[in-house]
Protein backbone atom coordinates (compact mmCIF):
# COMPACT_ATOMS: atom_id res chain seq x y z
CA MET A 1 -7.78 -57.68 1.59
CA ALA A 2 -4.89 -59.48 -0.12
CA ALA A 3 -4.05 -56.31 -2.05
CA VAL A 4 -3.80 -54.35 1.21
CA VAL A 5 -1.51 -56.97 2.77
CA PHE A 6 0.77 -57.02 -0.28
CA ALA A 7 0.83 -53.21 -0.39
CA LEU A 8 1.84 -53.05 3.27
CA LEU A 9 4.55 -55.66 2.66
CA ALA A 10 5.81 -53.58 -0.28
CA ALA A 11 5.93 -50.43 1.84
CA ALA A 12 7.74 -52.29 4.63
CA SER A 13 10.23 -53.77 2.14
CA ASN A 14 10.94 -50.33 0.68
CA ALA A 15 11.42 -48.96 4.18
CA LEU A 16 13.82 -51.78 5.06
CA ALA A 17 15.73 -51.19 1.81
CA THR A 18 16.11 -47.49 2.64
CA VAL A 19 17.50 -48.25 6.10
CA LEU A 20 19.88 -51.00 4.94
CA GLN A 21 21.22 -48.94 2.04
CA ARG A 22 21.66 -45.97 4.35
CA ARG A 23 23.63 -48.12 6.79
CA ALA A 24 25.80 -49.39 3.93
CA ALA A 25 26.40 -45.84 2.69
CA ARG A 26 27.74 -44.92 6.13
CA THR A 27 30.50 -47.52 5.81
CA VAL A 28 32.05 -46.27 2.55
CA PRO A 29 34.46 -43.33 2.26
CA LEU A 30 32.85 -39.97 1.54
CA SER A 31 33.74 -38.29 -1.75
CA SER A 32 33.04 -34.81 -3.05
CA GLY A 33 32.45 -36.08 -6.59
CA LEU A 34 31.52 -39.19 -8.53
CA ARG A 35 33.59 -42.21 -7.55
CA LEU A 36 33.49 -45.21 -9.86
CA GLY A 37 34.69 -47.53 -7.10
CA LEU A 38 31.63 -46.78 -4.95
CA LEU A 39 29.55 -49.58 -6.45
CA VAL A 40 32.42 -52.03 -6.02
CA ASP A 41 32.75 -51.03 -2.35
CA LEU A 42 29.02 -51.49 -1.80
CA LEU A 43 28.94 -54.87 -3.53
CA HIS A 44 31.30 -56.17 -0.85
CA ARG A 45 28.88 -55.21 1.91
CA ALA A 46 26.20 -57.73 2.83
CA VAL A 47 23.95 -55.03 4.26
CA TRP A 48 23.83 -53.25 0.87
CA LEU A 49 23.04 -56.50 -0.93
CA GLY A 50 20.29 -57.05 1.63
CA GLY A 51 18.91 -53.64 0.75
CA MET A 52 18.86 -54.52 -2.95
CA LEU A 53 17.01 -57.75 -2.18
CA ALA A 54 14.48 -55.71 -0.22
CA VAL A 55 14.00 -53.45 -3.26
CA ILE A 56 13.30 -56.48 -5.46
CA ALA A 57 10.89 -57.86 -2.86
CA ALA A 58 9.10 -54.50 -2.71
CA ALA A 59 8.64 -54.47 -6.49
CA CYS A 60 7.22 -58.00 -6.42
CA PHE A 61 4.84 -57.20 -3.57
CA GLN A 62 3.70 -54.02 -5.33
CA ALA A 63 3.01 -55.93 -8.54
CA LEU A 64 0.99 -58.52 -6.60
CA ALA A 65 -0.95 -55.79 -4.82
CA LEU A 66 -1.76 -53.96 -8.06
CA SER A 67 -2.83 -57.19 -9.74
CA GLN A 68 -5.40 -57.87 -7.02
CA GLY A 69 -6.55 -54.44 -5.89
CA ALA A 70 -7.44 -50.93 -6.96
CA LEU A 71 -4.67 -48.48 -7.78
CA SER A 72 -6.47 -45.91 -5.63
CA VAL A 73 -6.12 -48.25 -2.62
CA VAL A 74 -2.67 -49.74 -3.15
CA GLN A 75 -0.66 -46.62 -3.93
CA PRO A 76 -1.91 -44.41 -1.05
CA LEU A 77 -0.76 -47.12 1.38
CA PHE A 78 2.81 -46.33 0.36
CA VAL A 79 2.66 -43.16 2.46
CA LEU A 80 3.38 -45.55 5.34
CA GLU A 81 6.88 -46.10 3.96
CA LEU A 82 8.38 -43.12 5.80
CA PRO A 83 7.05 -43.96 9.28
CA LEU A 84 8.00 -47.60 8.75
CA ALA A 85 11.51 -46.52 7.71
CA LEU A 86 11.78 -44.40 10.85
CA LEU A 87 10.70 -47.28 13.08
CA ILE A 88 13.10 -49.73 11.40
CA GLY A 89 15.86 -47.13 11.36
CA ARG A 90 15.47 -46.55 15.07
CA VAL A 91 16.34 -50.21 15.63
CA ILE A 92 19.05 -50.70 13.00
CA LEU A 93 20.66 -47.26 12.89
CA GLY A 94 20.09 -46.37 16.52
CA GLY A 95 18.40 -43.07 15.69
CA HIS A 96 16.10 -41.03 17.89
CA ILE A 97 12.45 -40.25 17.18
CA SER A 98 11.21 -37.18 18.99
CA ARG A 99 7.75 -36.77 20.52
CA GLY A 100 6.77 -34.79 17.43
CA GLY A 101 7.90 -37.70 15.28
CA TRP A 102 5.71 -40.18 17.16
CA THR A 103 2.82 -37.74 16.85
CA GLY A 104 3.45 -37.60 13.11
CA VAL A 105 3.32 -41.40 12.85
CA VAL A 106 -0.04 -41.51 14.63
CA LEU A 107 -1.49 -38.65 12.58
CA LEU A 108 -0.39 -40.18 9.30
CA VAL A 109 -1.76 -43.64 10.09
CA VAL A 110 -5.07 -42.32 11.45
CA GLY A 111 -5.43 -39.87 8.56
CA LEU A 112 -4.76 -42.53 5.94
CA GLY A 113 -7.26 -44.89 7.53
CA CYS A 114 -9.88 -42.17 7.76
CA ALA A 115 -9.44 -41.08 4.14
CA LEU A 116 -9.51 -44.59 2.70
CA ALA A 117 -12.46 -45.68 4.85
CA ALA A 118 -14.47 -42.63 3.76
CA ALA A 119 -13.50 -42.89 0.09
CA ALA A 120 -14.06 -46.69 -0.04
CA PRO A 121 -12.45 -47.06 -3.50
CA THR A 122 -13.96 -49.80 -5.65
CA ILE A 123 -12.04 -52.13 -7.97
CA GLY A 124 -12.60 -51.21 -11.59
CA THR A 125 -11.12 -52.85 -14.67
CA ASP A 126 -7.79 -54.69 -14.79
CA HIS A 127 -6.71 -53.18 -18.09
CA ALA A 128 -6.81 -49.65 -19.47
CA ALA A 129 -7.55 -49.02 -23.14
CA PHE A 130 -4.83 -47.36 -25.20
CA SER A 131 -7.26 -44.54 -25.99
CA SER A 132 -7.33 -43.78 -22.26
CA TRP A 133 -3.57 -44.02 -21.90
CA VAL A 134 -2.82 -41.35 -24.51
CA PRO A 135 -4.38 -38.38 -22.66
CA ALA A 136 -3.14 -39.70 -19.30
CA LEU A 137 0.45 -39.90 -20.54
CA VAL A 138 0.24 -36.47 -22.17
CA VAL A 139 -1.16 -34.82 -19.04
CA CYS A 140 1.34 -36.52 -16.71
CA ALA A 141 4.26 -35.61 -18.97
CA ALA A 142 3.06 -32.02 -19.16
CA VAL A 143 2.70 -31.75 -15.37
CA ILE A 144 6.15 -33.27 -14.79
CA ALA A 145 7.74 -30.95 -17.37
CA THR A 146 6.00 -27.91 -15.88
CA ALA A 147 7.06 -28.82 -12.34
CA VAL A 148 10.67 -29.42 -13.40
CA ALA A 149 10.74 -26.13 -15.33
CA ALA A 150 9.38 -24.32 -12.27
CA ALA A 151 12.03 -25.98 -10.09
CA LEU A 152 14.83 -24.93 -12.41
CA ARG A 153 13.67 -21.31 -12.29
CA HIS A 154 14.35 -21.19 -8.56
CA GLY A 155 17.56 -21.49 -6.63
CA GLU A 156 18.21 -23.97 -3.86
CA GLY A 157 15.45 -23.90 -1.26
CA GLY A 158 11.96 -25.00 -0.38
CA VAL A 159 10.22 -23.97 -3.60
CA ARG A 160 12.69 -25.84 -5.79
CA ALA A 161 12.47 -28.95 -3.58
CA ALA A 162 8.66 -28.86 -3.57
CA CYS A 163 8.50 -28.55 -7.37
CA PHE A 164 10.84 -31.49 -7.89
CA ALA A 165 8.83 -33.47 -5.31
CA GLY A 166 5.64 -32.73 -7.22
CA ALA A 167 7.20 -34.04 -10.42
CA THR A 168 8.41 -37.12 -8.51
CA ALA A 169 4.93 -37.78 -7.13
CA VAL A 170 3.38 -37.75 -10.61
CA ALA A 171 6.14 -40.04 -11.92
CA TYR A 172 5.66 -42.51 -9.05
CA ALA A 173 1.89 -42.61 -9.58
CA LEU A 174 2.31 -43.09 -13.32
CA THR A 175 4.84 -45.88 -12.70
CA ALA A 176 2.30 -47.72 -10.54
CA ALA A 177 -0.46 -47.26 -13.13
CA LEU A 178 1.76 -48.67 -15.89
CA MET A 179 2.84 -51.54 -13.63
CA LYS A 180 -0.78 -52.47 -13.00
CA ASP A 181 -1.39 -52.81 -16.74
CA ALA A 182 1.86 -54.76 -17.17
CA THR A 183 0.86 -57.24 -14.45
CA HIS A 184 -2.44 -57.75 -16.29
CA ALA A 185 -0.43 -58.68 -19.39
CA TRP A 186 1.47 -61.27 -17.32
CA GLN A 187 -1.76 -62.70 -15.88
CA THR A 188 -3.42 -63.06 -19.27
CA GLY A 189 -0.50 -63.92 -21.54
CA GLY A 190 2.35 -65.02 -19.31
CA PRO A 191 5.97 -63.84 -19.49
CA ALA A 192 5.86 -63.47 -23.29
CA ALA A 193 3.01 -60.97 -23.11
CA PHE A 194 4.64 -59.15 -20.19
CA PHE A 195 7.95 -58.62 -21.97
CA THR A 196 6.30 -57.55 -25.21
CA ALA A 197 3.89 -55.08 -23.58
CA TRP A 198 4.84 -51.42 -23.96
CA GLN A 199 3.61 -50.79 -20.40
CA THR A 200 6.45 -52.95 -19.02
CA TYR A 201 9.12 -50.75 -20.55
CA GLY A 202 7.04 -47.70 -19.76
CA PHE A 203 6.97 -48.32 -16.00
CA ALA A 204 10.69 -49.18 -16.02
CA ALA A 205 11.58 -45.93 -17.79
CA VAL A 206 9.27 -43.74 -15.73
CA GLY A 207 10.44 -45.44 -12.54
CA VAL A 208 14.06 -44.57 -13.29
CA ALA A 209 13.01 -40.98 -14.05
CA ALA A 210 11.13 -40.86 -10.73
CA LEU A 211 14.27 -41.88 -8.81
CA PHE A 212 16.27 -39.18 -10.60
CA LEU A 213 13.66 -36.54 -9.78
CA LEU A 214 13.53 -37.71 -6.16
CA GLU A 215 17.29 -37.29 -5.79
CA ASN A 216 16.99 -33.75 -7.16
CA ALA A 217 14.20 -33.01 -4.70
CA MET A 218 16.31 -34.25 -1.78
CA GLN A 219 19.30 -32.17 -2.86
CA SER A 220 17.38 -29.00 -3.68
CA GLY A 221 16.01 -28.04 -0.29
CA PRO A 222 14.68 -29.09 3.12
CA LEU A 223 12.80 -32.34 3.61
CA THR A 224 9.97 -30.32 5.18
CA ALA A 225 9.30 -28.86 1.73
CA SER A 226 9.59 -32.00 -0.39
CA GLN A 227 8.20 -34.84 1.76
CA PRO A 228 4.63 -33.50 2.29
CA VAL A 229 4.28 -32.79 -1.45
CA LEU A 230 5.62 -36.23 -2.34
CA THR A 231 3.47 -38.04 0.23
CA LEU A 232 0.20 -36.36 -0.68
CA GLY A 233 0.91 -35.94 -4.39
CA ASP A 234 1.56 -39.62 -5.03
CA ALA A 235 -1.67 -40.64 -3.30
CA LEU A 236 -3.87 -38.04 -5.02
CA VAL A 237 -2.44 -38.57 -8.51
CA SER A 238 -2.76 -42.34 -8.10
CA LEU A 239 -6.39 -41.85 -7.12
CA SER A 240 -6.97 -39.74 -10.23
CA LEU A 241 -5.30 -42.28 -12.52
CA GLY A 242 -7.28 -45.10 -10.93
CA VAL A 243 -10.53 -43.29 -11.69
CA THR A 244 -9.65 -42.17 -15.23
CA LEU A 245 -7.77 -45.26 -16.44
CA TYR A 246 -9.26 -48.17 -14.53
CA ASP A 247 -12.78 -46.94 -13.87
CA GLU A 248 -12.32 -47.10 -10.09
CA ARG A 249 -14.87 -45.19 -8.02
CA VAL A 250 -14.74 -43.32 -4.70
CA ARG A 251 -17.56 -41.95 -2.59
CA THR A 252 -18.42 -38.28 -2.92
CA GLY A 253 -21.08 -36.03 -1.37
CA TRP A 254 -20.81 -35.61 2.39
CA TRP A 255 -18.12 -38.30 2.42
CA LEU A 256 -15.77 -35.60 1.12
CA ILE A 257 -15.71 -34.12 4.63
CA PRO A 258 -14.01 -37.09 6.37
CA GLU A 259 -11.91 -37.65 3.25
CA CYS A 260 -10.55 -34.10 3.43
CA LEU A 261 -10.06 -34.46 7.18
CA GLY A 262 -8.02 -37.61 6.62
CA ILE A 263 -5.94 -35.90 3.93
CA ALA A 264 -5.28 -32.99 6.28
CA LEU A 265 -4.09 -35.38 9.01
CA VAL A 266 -1.80 -37.17 6.54
CA LEU A 267 -0.32 -33.84 5.46
CA TRP A 268 0.16 -32.76 9.08
CA GLY A 269 1.80 -36.06 9.95
CA ALA A 270 4.11 -35.87 6.92
CA VAL A 271 5.24 -32.39 7.93
CA LEU A 272 6.03 -33.55 11.48
CA LEU A 273 7.88 -36.64 10.26
CA SER A 274 9.97 -34.62 7.82
CA ARG A 275 11.32 -32.63 10.77
CA VAL A 276 12.71 -35.70 12.53
CA ALA A 277 16.51 -35.87 12.37
CA LEU A 278 16.40 -39.59 11.58
CA ALA A 279 14.19 -38.89 8.55
CA ARG A 280 16.76 -36.44 7.23
CA ASP A 281 19.50 -38.97 7.83
CA LEU A 282 17.64 -41.69 5.92
CA THR A 283 17.29 -39.39 2.89
CA GLY A 284 20.93 -38.36 3.05
CA ALA A 285 20.05 -34.75 3.91
CA GLN A 286 22.43 -34.71 6.86
CA ASP A 287 25.35 -35.70 4.63
CA LYS A 288 25.07 -32.37 2.84
CA ALA A 289 24.38 -30.27 5.92
CA PRO A 290 27.85 -30.61 7.52
CA ALA A 291 29.53 -29.67 4.23
CA ALA A 292 27.42 -26.56 3.95
CA ALA A 293 28.16 -25.75 7.58
CA ARG A 294 31.89 -26.01 7.00
CA GLU A 295 31.65 -23.60 4.08
CA THR A 296 29.70 -21.02 6.08
CA GLY A 297 31.43 -21.64 9.39
CA THR A 298 28.20 -22.63 11.17
CA GLU A 299 26.91 -25.86 12.62
CA PRO A 300 23.51 -27.29 11.68
CA GLY A 301 20.85 -27.50 14.38
CA ARG A 302 18.87 -30.58 15.28
CA ALA A 303 15.71 -31.11 13.29
CA ASP A 304 13.79 -33.00 15.96
CA THR A 305 13.92 -30.49 18.80
């Protein structure tokens, strides 16, 4: 139960960070290229600093959740980050959530609850053997490389965005798996063991790569192509890593029916949420749309109508 609470707090903190950083980004001058003074501008804005504190809080809550619960339970709960960001954004940014958006929130929450209740993941081991890590790292790296290569073979659009989102999902799941092992090192050996464990530097490196891939996914095509892949991919890959690395177990047999139903509802909800204008604003998608419209002489339409 504690793991679920910490996971929900982590998702809420990430959502709050997204909204606060988005609000801060609205207050700085737009630039067509890289601007070295951007960070300096943001550092002078309390709302941006609040967003960074929320990011740190999210990382701490995630580590606590992973140290006390199964990876296959904790990580899927992060699909709630988008609906939470929309709800917080509606208050702070004054955005509008359409009827379809509210339907998406309900579908995602109900679907997640249905899938997790049917799967009933069990807590396995707290530490994965290095012999298990080797094939997991190789497979994840291969999948990420293949997805990135596929993305680069396509021009801007849905396919490219979906491929980058798939790579991001694998990277996020792998980051969580490495973090779980790193937290075990802290629990058993304290800070010295944590900072000398290869998993600590592994989750830091993969986490940075995940953020880079996510930015590429957001810039490559519509949110309707990337968000469903990211939402579902992270949960399913985390489930797979939990089973293979940490000996976690989920129910099979006829339980697969409600599990698949829940997954379908989550996917449906993610698609609906990705069409909400506020969701596109939170990801920065609407910053690029006006520029494209000016180049083509057209105006973008609303995504939530």
